[in-house]
């Protein structure tokens, strides 16, 4: 096994280790690949009830918080003068109800699905597949859902009639 070349490589190997089938062939391939120039990070979630505080901090949004805090430490003397941009895509962030967290929920993280994303913090490498700056939705815009009829054709000319 070669020396791990980057945190990205460590993240990927850690993610694969959560699978019940250890994917040893893939892990060996990743371990023997040079990732030393990769500065991105993986943010991932694995299903289950996670109660170990160290494990909880390595998954999902707590992981994102930890990595962003390490990459951009808080400085109370810093005066924000430049525009900062954060763009996030989340397929699911759980329940954000109005009830305050109970004692049980503070120490555990419940995740329903396998998810993985890449955190890119180098703006020169950030190519996005949509217009930027983002344009706010108009009052007539409606989100697309698969359980409703959409009689207006989309950009491909298709209509949705479930």
N, C-alpha and C. Protein backbone atom coordinates (compact mmCIF):
# COMPACT_ATOMS: atom_id res chain seq x y z
N UNK A 1 0.84 -1.18 0.00
CA UNK A 1 0.00 0.00 0.00
C UNK A 1 0.88 1.23 0.00
N UNK A 2 0.54 2.21 -0.86
CA UNK A 2 1.30 3.44 -0.92
C UNK A 2 0.79 4.43 0.11
N UNK A 3 1.58 5.45 0.35
CA UNK A 3 1.17 6.50 1.28
C UNK A 3 -0.02 7.26 0.68
N UNK A 4 -1.00 7.55 1.51
CA UNK A 4 -2.17 8.29 1.05
C UNK A 4 -1.71 9.68 0.62
N UNK A 5 -2.13 10.10 -0.59
CA UNK A 5 -1.63 11.34 -1.17
C UNK A 5 -2.42 12.59 -0.88
N UNK A 6 -3.64 12.47 -0.40
CA UNK A 6 -4.44 13.67 -0.15
C UNK A 6 -5.61 13.34 0.75
N UNK A 7 -6.19 14.37 1.39
CA UNK A 7 -7.41 14.14 2.17
C UNK A 7 -8.55 13.60 1.31
N UNK A 8 -8.60 14.00 0.03
CA UNK A 8 -9.62 13.48 -0.87
C UNK A 8 -9.52 11.95 -0.97
N UNK A 9 -8.29 11.47 -1.12
CA UNK A 9 -8.07 10.04 -1.22
C UNK A 9 -8.47 9.34 0.08
N UNK A 10 -8.14 9.93 1.20
CA UNK A 10 -8.55 9.38 2.50
C UNK A 10 -10.07 9.34 2.60
N UNK A 11 -10.72 10.44 2.16
CA UNK A 11 -12.19 10.50 2.19
C UNK A 11 -12.80 9.37 1.37
N UNK A 12 -12.28 9.16 0.17
CA UNK A 12 -12.83 8.15 -0.73
C UNK A 12 -12.65 6.74 -0.16
N UNK A 13 -11.49 6.47 0.39
CA UNK A 13 -11.24 5.16 1.00
C UNK A 13 -12.14 4.95 2.22
N UNK A 14 -12.31 6.01 3.01
CA UNK A 14 -13.20 5.91 4.18
C UNK A 14 -14.63 5.64 3.74
N UNK A 15 -15.09 6.35 2.71
CA UNK A 15 -16.45 6.14 2.21
C UNK A 15 -16.66 4.69 1.78
N UNK A 16 -15.72 4.15 1.02
CA UNK A 16 -15.85 2.77 0.55
C UNK A 16 -15.84 1.77 1.71
N UNK A 17 -15.18 2.12 2.81
CA UNK A 17 -15.10 1.20 3.94
C UNK A 17 -16.45 1.02 4.65
N UNK A 18 -17.40 1.92 4.42
CA UNK A 18 -18.72 1.81 5.05
C UNK A 18 -19.59 0.74 4.38
N UNK A 19 -19.27 0.35 3.16
CA UNK A 19 -20.07 -0.65 2.47
C UNK A 19 -19.86 -2.02 3.12
N UNK A 20 -20.95 -2.82 3.19
CA UNK A 20 -20.83 -4.14 3.80
C UNK A 20 -19.91 -5.03 2.98
N UNK A 21 -19.94 -4.91 1.67
CA UNK A 21 -18.97 -5.58 0.82
C UNK A 21 -17.78 -4.61 0.75
N UNK A 22 -16.63 -4.96 1.29
CA UNK A 22 -15.55 -4.01 1.48
C UNK A 22 -14.97 -3.38 0.20
N UNK A 23 -15.34 -3.89 -0.98
CA UNK A 23 -14.84 -3.32 -2.23
C UNK A 23 -13.32 -3.24 -2.25
N UNK A 24 -12.68 -4.30 -1.78
CA UNK A 24 -11.23 -4.30 -1.61
C UNK A 24 -10.46 -4.03 -2.90
N UNK A 25 -10.97 -4.50 -4.03
CA UNK A 25 -10.28 -4.25 -5.31
C UNK A 25 -10.25 -2.76 -5.60
N UNK A 26 -11.37 -2.08 -5.41
CA UNK A 26 -11.42 -0.64 -5.65
C UNK A 26 -10.55 0.11 -4.66
N UNK A 27 -10.61 -0.29 -3.39
CA UNK A 27 -9.78 0.38 -2.38
C UNK A 27 -8.30 0.25 -2.72
N UNK A 28 -7.85 -0.93 -3.15
CA UNK A 28 -6.44 -1.11 -3.52
C UNK A 28 -6.07 -0.23 -4.70
N UNK A 29 -6.95 -0.14 -5.69
CA UNK A 29 -6.70 0.71 -6.85
C UNK A 29 -6.59 2.18 -6.43
N UNK A 30 -7.49 2.62 -5.59
CA UNK A 30 -7.47 4.01 -5.12
C UNK A 30 -6.23 4.27 -4.27
N UNK A 31 -5.87 3.32 -3.42
CA UNK A 31 -4.68 3.48 -2.58
C UNK A 31 -3.41 3.57 -3.41
N UNK A 32 -3.38 2.93 -4.57
CA UNK A 32 -2.17 2.93 -5.39
C UNK A 32 -2.15 4.05 -6.44
N UNK A 33 -3.17 4.90 -6.44
CA UNK A 33 -3.26 6.01 -7.38
C UNK A 33 -2.76 7.28 -6.73
N UNK A 34 -2.09 8.14 -7.51
CA UNK A 34 -1.56 9.40 -6.99
C UNK A 34 -2.65 10.47 -6.99
N UNK A 35 -3.15 10.80 -5.83
CA UNK A 35 -4.15 11.85 -5.65
C UNK A 35 -3.52 13.10 -5.01
N UNK A 36 -2.21 13.20 -4.99
CA UNK A 36 -1.53 14.24 -4.23
C UNK A 36 -1.88 15.66 -4.68
N UNK A 37 -2.33 15.84 -5.90
CA UNK A 37 -2.67 17.19 -6.37
C UNK A 37 -4.14 17.54 -6.19
N UNK A 38 -4.93 16.59 -5.71
CA UNK A 38 -6.37 16.83 -5.55
C UNK A 38 -6.61 17.55 -4.22
N UNK A 39 -7.17 18.75 -4.30
CA UNK A 39 -7.44 19.54 -3.09
C UNK A 39 -8.90 19.51 -2.68
N UNK A 40 -9.75 18.89 -3.49
CA UNK A 40 -11.17 18.79 -3.16
C UNK A 40 -11.38 17.83 -1.99
N UNK A 41 -12.57 17.86 -1.45
CA UNK A 41 -12.94 16.95 -0.37
C UNK A 41 -14.25 16.27 -0.69
N UNK A 42 -14.42 15.07 -0.18
CA UNK A 42 -15.69 14.36 -0.33
C UNK A 42 -16.53 14.58 0.92
N UNK A 43 -17.80 14.82 0.70
CA UNK A 43 -18.78 14.91 1.79
C UNK A 43 -19.73 13.75 1.53
N UNK A 44 -19.85 12.85 2.48
CA UNK A 44 -20.68 11.68 2.24
C UNK A 44 -21.53 11.33 3.44
N UNK A 45 -22.58 10.58 3.14
CA UNK A 45 -23.49 10.07 4.17
C UNK A 45 -23.68 8.59 3.93
N UNK A 46 -23.86 7.85 5.01
CA UNK A 46 -24.16 6.43 4.92
C UNK A 46 -25.38 6.16 5.80
N UNK A 47 -26.27 5.29 5.36
CA UNK A 47 -27.52 5.08 6.10
C UNK A 47 -27.30 4.48 7.49
N UNK A 48 -28.19 4.85 8.39
CA UNK A 48 -28.18 4.27 9.73
C UNK A 48 -28.32 5.31 10.81
N UNK A 49 -28.41 4.83 12.05
CA UNK A 49 -28.41 5.69 13.23
C UNK A 49 -26.97 5.73 13.72
N UNK A 50 -26.36 6.87 13.67
CA UNK A 50 -24.96 7.02 14.05
C UNK A 50 -24.92 7.77 15.39
N UNK A 51 -24.35 7.12 16.41
CA UNK A 51 -24.35 7.70 17.75
C UNK A 51 -22.95 8.02 18.26
N UNK A 52 -21.92 7.42 17.69
CA UNK A 52 -20.55 7.71 18.12
C UNK A 52 -20.20 9.13 17.68
N UNK A 53 -19.86 10.04 18.62
CA UNK A 53 -19.59 11.43 18.26
C UNK A 53 -18.53 11.60 17.17
N UNK A 54 -17.50 10.77 17.18
CA UNK A 54 -16.48 10.89 16.14
C UNK A 54 -17.03 10.49 14.78
N UNK A 55 -17.87 9.46 14.77
CA UNK A 55 -18.47 9.02 13.51
C UNK A 55 -19.47 10.06 13.01
N UNK A 56 -20.27 10.61 13.91
CA UNK A 56 -21.25 11.62 13.53
C UNK A 56 -20.56 12.81 12.87
N UNK A 57 -19.43 13.22 13.39
CA UNK A 57 -18.73 14.39 12.83
C UNK A 57 -18.08 14.10 11.48
N UNK A 58 -18.05 12.85 11.06
CA UNK A 58 -17.42 12.47 9.79
C UNK A 58 -18.44 12.26 8.67
N UNK A 59 -19.72 12.49 8.96
CA UNK A 59 -20.76 12.21 7.98
C UNK A 59 -21.65 13.43 7.73
N UNK A 60 -22.15 13.53 6.50
CA UNK A 60 -23.17 14.51 6.15
C UNK A 60 -22.83 15.95 6.47
N UNK A 61 -23.87 16.69 6.91
CA UNK A 61 -23.67 18.11 7.18
C UNK A 61 -22.71 18.41 8.34
N UNK A 62 -22.59 17.54 9.37
CA UNK A 62 -21.55 17.81 10.37
C UNK A 62 -20.14 17.74 9.75
N UNK A 63 -19.94 16.84 8.81
CA UNK A 63 -18.64 16.72 8.12
C UNK A 63 -18.36 17.99 7.32
N UNK A 64 -19.38 18.48 6.60
CA UNK A 64 -19.22 19.71 5.84
C UNK A 64 -18.84 20.86 6.76
N UNK A 65 -19.51 20.96 7.89
CA UNK A 65 -19.21 22.01 8.86
C UNK A 65 -17.76 21.92 9.35
N UNK A 66 -17.32 20.71 9.66
CA UNK A 66 -15.95 20.51 10.14
C UNK A 66 -14.93 20.91 9.09
N UNK A 67 -15.12 20.46 7.86
CA UNK A 67 -14.16 20.75 6.80
C UNK A 67 -14.13 22.24 6.48
N UNK A 68 -15.31 22.89 6.41
CA UNK A 68 -15.34 24.33 6.15
C UNK A 68 -14.68 25.12 7.28
N UNK A 69 -14.89 24.67 8.52
CA UNK A 69 -14.26 25.35 9.66
C UNK A 69 -12.75 25.22 9.62
N UNK A 70 -12.25 24.06 9.17
CA UNK A 70 -10.80 23.87 9.04
C UNK A 70 -10.24 24.70 7.90
N UNK A 71 -10.96 24.73 6.79
CA UNK A 71 -10.48 25.42 5.59
C UNK A 71 -10.58 26.94 5.74
N UNK A 72 -11.63 27.40 6.40
CA UNK A 72 -11.88 28.83 6.58
C UNK A 72 -12.11 29.13 8.06
N UNK A 73 -11.04 29.14 8.87
CA UNK A 73 -11.22 29.36 10.31
C UNK A 73 -11.84 30.73 10.59
N UNK A 74 -12.63 30.76 11.63
CA UNK A 74 -13.29 32.00 12.03
C UNK A 74 -12.27 32.98 12.60
N UNK A 75 -12.32 34.21 12.14
CA UNK A 75 -11.46 35.27 12.65
C UNK A 75 -12.35 36.44 13.03
N UNK A 76 -12.53 36.72 14.34
CA UNK A 76 -13.45 37.78 14.76
C UNK A 76 -13.00 39.17 14.29
N UNK A 77 -11.72 39.33 13.94
CA UNK A 77 -11.22 40.63 13.49
C UNK A 77 -11.43 40.85 11.99
N UNK A 78 -11.81 39.80 11.28
CA UNK A 78 -11.97 39.90 9.83
C UNK A 78 -13.19 40.73 9.49
N UNK A 79 -13.00 41.71 8.60
CA UNK A 79 -14.12 42.48 8.08
C UNK A 79 -14.40 42.03 6.67
N UNK A 80 -15.60 41.58 6.47
CA UNK A 80 -15.97 41.04 5.17
C UNK A 80 -16.18 42.20 4.19
N UNK A 81 -15.33 42.26 3.16
CA UNK A 81 -15.48 43.30 2.15
C UNK A 81 -15.72 42.71 0.77
N UNK A 82 -15.21 41.52 0.53
CA UNK A 82 -15.41 40.87 -0.77
C UNK A 82 -16.62 39.96 -0.72
N UNK A 83 -17.19 39.75 -1.87
CA UNK A 83 -18.33 38.87 -1.97
C UNK A 83 -17.87 37.41 -1.91
N UNK A 84 -18.51 36.63 -1.07
CA UNK A 84 -18.24 35.20 -0.99
C UNK A 84 -19.43 34.46 -1.59
N UNK A 85 -19.15 33.39 -2.26
CA UNK A 85 -20.22 32.61 -2.87
C UNK A 85 -20.14 31.18 -2.38
N UNK A 86 -21.26 30.69 -1.89
CA UNK A 86 -21.39 29.30 -1.52
C UNK A 86 -22.59 28.76 -2.29
N UNK A 87 -22.37 27.70 -3.03
CA UNK A 87 -23.45 27.06 -3.77
C UNK A 87 -23.53 25.64 -3.28
N UNK A 88 -24.72 25.22 -2.89
CA UNK A 88 -24.89 23.86 -2.37
C UNK A 88 -26.06 23.20 -3.07
N UNK A 89 -25.94 21.91 -3.26
CA UNK A 89 -27.04 21.10 -3.78
C UNK A 89 -27.22 19.96 -2.80
N UNK A 90 -28.41 19.83 -2.29
CA UNK A 90 -28.70 18.76 -1.33
C UNK A 90 -29.92 18.00 -1.82
N UNK A 91 -29.79 16.69 -1.90
CA UNK A 91 -30.96 15.91 -2.29
C UNK A 91 -31.87 15.69 -1.09
N UNK A 92 -31.31 15.77 0.11
CA UNK A 92 -32.11 15.58 1.30
C UNK A 92 -31.32 16.11 2.49
N UNK A 93 -31.97 16.88 3.33
CA UNK A 93 -31.29 17.34 4.54
C UNK A 93 -32.08 16.96 5.78
N UNK A 94 -33.01 16.06 5.63
CA UNK A 94 -33.77 15.58 6.79
C UNK A 94 -34.87 16.54 7.16
N UNK A 95 -35.32 16.43 8.38
CA UNK A 95 -36.43 17.24 8.86
C UNK A 95 -35.91 18.49 9.53
N UNK A 96 -36.46 19.61 9.12
CA UNK A 96 -36.09 20.88 9.74
C UNK A 96 -37.32 21.48 10.42
N UNK A 97 -37.92 20.72 11.30
CA UNK A 97 -39.13 21.16 11.99
C UNK A 97 -38.83 22.30 12.95
N UNK A 98 -39.91 22.90 13.46
CA UNK A 98 -39.75 24.04 14.35
C UNK A 98 -39.46 23.62 15.80
N UNK A 99 -39.67 22.36 16.12
CA UNK A 99 -39.44 21.89 17.49
C UNK A 99 -37.95 21.87 17.79
N UNK A 100 -37.55 22.34 18.99
CA UNK A 100 -36.14 22.28 19.34
C UNK A 100 -35.66 20.84 19.48
N UNK A 101 -34.37 20.64 19.27
CA UNK A 101 -33.81 19.29 19.38
C UNK A 101 -33.93 18.76 20.79
N UNK A 102 -34.31 17.48 20.96
CA UNK A 102 -34.34 16.86 22.28
C UNK A 102 -32.94 16.32 22.59
N UNK A 103 -32.63 15.82 23.77
CA UNK A 103 -31.33 15.32 24.20
C UNK A 103 -30.87 14.20 23.33
N UNK A 104 -32.00 13.26 22.95
CA UNK A 104 -31.65 12.07 22.15
C UNK A 104 -31.06 12.46 20.81
N UNK A 105 -31.68 13.47 20.10
CA UNK A 105 -31.30 13.85 18.76
C UNK A 105 -29.99 14.63 18.70
N UNK A 106 -29.55 15.21 19.80
CA UNK A 106 -28.30 15.97 19.80
C UNK A 106 -27.10 15.05 19.59
N UNK A 107 -27.17 13.84 20.13
CA UNK A 107 -26.03 12.94 20.08
C UNK A 107 -26.11 11.87 19.00
N UNK A 108 -27.08 11.98 18.13
CA UNK A 108 -27.16 10.96 17.08
C UNK A 108 -27.50 11.62 15.75
N UNK A 109 -27.10 10.95 14.71
CA UNK A 109 -27.38 11.41 13.35
C UNK A 109 -28.06 10.24 12.63
N UNK A 110 -29.28 10.46 12.15
CA UNK A 110 -29.99 9.43 11.42
C UNK A 110 -29.94 9.79 9.94
N UNK A 111 -29.41 8.87 9.14
CA UNK A 111 -29.26 9.08 7.70
C UNK A 111 -30.02 7.97 6.99
N UNK A 112 -30.78 8.33 5.96
CA UNK A 112 -31.62 7.36 5.27
C UNK A 112 -31.00 6.80 3.99
N UNK A 113 -30.00 7.45 3.43
CA UNK A 113 -29.51 6.98 2.13
C UNK A 113 -28.01 7.19 1.98
N UNK A 114 -27.46 6.51 0.99
CA UNK A 114 -26.06 6.69 0.61
C UNK A 114 -25.98 7.94 -0.25
N UNK A 115 -25.14 8.86 0.12
CA UNK A 115 -24.96 10.07 -0.68
C UNK A 115 -23.49 10.45 -0.65
N UNK A 116 -23.05 11.06 -1.74
CA UNK A 116 -21.67 11.52 -1.82
C UNK A 116 -21.64 12.77 -2.69
N UNK A 117 -20.82 13.72 -2.30
CA UNK A 117 -20.66 14.95 -3.06
C UNK A 117 -19.22 15.42 -2.96
N UNK A 118 -18.85 16.34 -3.81
CA UNK A 118 -17.49 16.87 -3.83
C UNK A 118 -17.54 18.34 -3.42
N UNK A 119 -16.72 18.70 -2.45
CA UNK A 119 -16.58 20.09 -2.01
C UNK A 119 -15.38 20.68 -2.75
N UNK A 120 -15.64 21.68 -3.58
CA UNK A 120 -14.59 22.36 -4.34
C UNK A 120 -14.42 23.74 -3.76
N UNK A 121 -13.23 24.05 -3.25
CA UNK A 121 -13.00 25.36 -2.64
C UNK A 121 -12.07 26.24 -3.47
N UNK A 122 -11.59 25.72 -4.59
CA UNK A 122 -10.72 26.51 -5.47
C UNK A 122 -11.59 27.13 -6.56
N UNK A 123 -11.88 28.45 -6.47
CA UNK A 123 -12.81 29.06 -7.42
C UNK A 123 -12.34 29.00 -8.88
N UNK A 124 -11.04 28.88 -9.12
CA UNK A 124 -10.56 28.83 -10.50
C UNK A 124 -10.91 27.51 -11.17
N UNK A 125 -11.27 26.50 -10.40
CA UNK A 125 -11.63 25.18 -10.94
C UNK A 125 -13.13 24.95 -10.96
N UNK A 126 -13.87 25.93 -10.56
CA UNK A 126 -15.29 25.71 -10.34
C UNK A 126 -16.10 26.07 -11.59
N UNK A 127 -16.46 25.07 -12.37
CA UNK A 127 -17.34 25.26 -13.52
C UNK A 127 -18.70 24.72 -13.15
N UNK A 128 -19.70 25.55 -13.29
CA UNK A 128 -21.04 25.13 -12.90
C UNK A 128 -21.94 25.06 -14.13
N UNK A 129 -22.87 24.11 -14.14
CA UNK A 129 -23.72 23.91 -15.31
C UNK A 129 -24.99 24.77 -15.31
N UNK A 130 -24.90 25.98 -14.76
CA UNK A 130 -26.05 26.88 -14.76
C UNK A 130 -25.54 28.31 -14.73
N UNK A 131 -26.45 29.24 -14.98
CA UNK A 131 -26.08 30.65 -15.02
C UNK A 131 -25.67 31.13 -13.65
N UNK A 132 -24.67 31.99 -13.64
CA UNK A 132 -24.21 32.58 -12.39
C UNK A 132 -23.96 34.06 -12.65
N UNK A 133 -24.36 34.95 -11.80
CA UNK A 133 -24.97 34.68 -10.50
C UNK A 133 -26.37 34.07 -10.66
N UNK A 134 -26.76 33.33 -9.64
CA UNK A 134 -28.05 32.67 -9.66
C UNK A 134 -29.16 33.71 -9.75
N UNK A 135 -30.19 33.39 -10.50
CA UNK A 135 -31.33 34.28 -10.67
C UNK A 135 -32.44 33.80 -9.76
N UNK A 136 -33.00 34.70 -8.95
CA UNK A 136 -34.09 34.26 -8.06
C UNK A 136 -35.30 33.78 -8.87
N UNK A 137 -36.04 32.85 -8.29
CA UNK A 137 -37.27 32.40 -8.93
C UNK A 137 -38.25 33.57 -9.00
N UNK A 138 -39.05 33.59 -10.06
CA UNK A 138 -40.09 34.62 -10.17
C UNK A 138 -41.31 34.15 -9.39
N UNK A 139 -42.23 35.06 -9.10
CA UNK A 139 -43.44 34.65 -8.36
C UNK A 139 -44.27 33.60 -9.09
N UNK A 140 -44.12 33.49 -10.42
CA UNK A 140 -44.89 32.50 -11.17
C UNK A 140 -44.17 31.17 -11.32
N UNK A 141 -42.90 31.08 -10.94
CA UNK A 141 -42.15 29.82 -11.03
C UNK A 141 -42.68 28.83 -10.01
N UNK A 142 -42.76 27.57 -10.41
CA UNK A 142 -43.18 26.50 -9.52
C UNK A 142 -42.16 25.37 -9.63
N UNK A 143 -41.82 24.73 -8.51
CA UNK A 143 -40.87 23.61 -8.58
C UNK A 143 -41.49 22.43 -9.33
N UNK A 144 -40.65 21.68 -10.01
CA UNK A 144 -41.11 20.49 -10.72
C UNK A 144 -41.22 19.34 -9.75
N UNK A 145 -42.37 18.69 -9.74
CA UNK A 145 -42.55 17.49 -8.94
C UNK A 145 -43.16 16.43 -9.83
N UNK A 146 -42.85 15.18 -9.58
CA UNK A 146 -43.33 14.09 -10.44
C UNK A 146 -44.75 13.65 -10.12
N UNK A 147 -45.32 14.15 -9.03
CA UNK A 147 -46.67 13.71 -8.67
C UNK A 147 -47.74 14.75 -9.05
N UNK A 148 -47.38 15.71 -9.89
CA UNK A 148 -48.33 16.71 -10.36
C UNK A 148 -48.26 16.80 -11.88
N UNK A 149 -49.37 17.22 -12.48
CA UNK A 149 -49.38 17.44 -13.92
C UNK A 149 -48.62 18.73 -14.24
N UNK A 150 -47.88 18.69 -15.31
CA UNK A 150 -47.20 19.87 -15.83
C UNK A 150 -47.57 19.95 -17.31
N UNK A 151 -48.54 20.80 -17.61
CA UNK A 151 -49.05 20.85 -18.98
C UNK A 151 -48.21 21.74 -19.89
N UNK A 152 -47.45 22.64 -19.32
CA UNK A 152 -46.56 23.46 -20.13
C UNK A 152 -45.35 22.61 -20.51
N UNK A 153 -44.98 22.60 -21.79
CA UNK A 153 -43.81 21.80 -22.20
C UNK A 153 -42.52 22.32 -21.55
N UNK A 154 -41.64 21.39 -21.23
CA UNK A 154 -40.33 21.78 -20.72
C UNK A 154 -39.44 22.20 -21.89
N UNK A 155 -38.15 22.45 -21.62
CA UNK A 155 -37.26 22.93 -22.67
C UNK A 155 -37.04 21.90 -23.78
N UNK A 156 -37.40 20.63 -23.51
CA UNK A 156 -37.30 19.58 -24.52
C UNK A 156 -38.63 19.33 -25.22
N UNK A 157 -39.65 20.13 -24.86
CA UNK A 157 -40.96 19.98 -25.48
C UNK A 157 -41.81 18.89 -24.88
N UNK A 158 -41.41 18.33 -23.75
CA UNK A 158 -42.16 17.24 -23.11
C UNK A 158 -43.15 17.80 -22.09
N UNK A 159 -44.27 17.10 -21.94
CA UNK A 159 -45.30 17.43 -20.96
C UNK A 159 -45.37 16.29 -19.96
N UNK A 160 -45.63 16.59 -18.69
CA UNK A 160 -45.66 15.57 -17.65
C UNK A 160 -47.09 15.36 -17.21
N UNK A 161 -47.62 14.15 -17.48
CA UNK A 161 -48.98 13.77 -17.07
C UNK A 161 -48.93 12.42 -16.38
N UNK A 162 -48.73 12.39 -15.05
CA UNK A 162 -48.64 11.09 -14.37
C UNK A 162 -49.95 10.34 -14.38
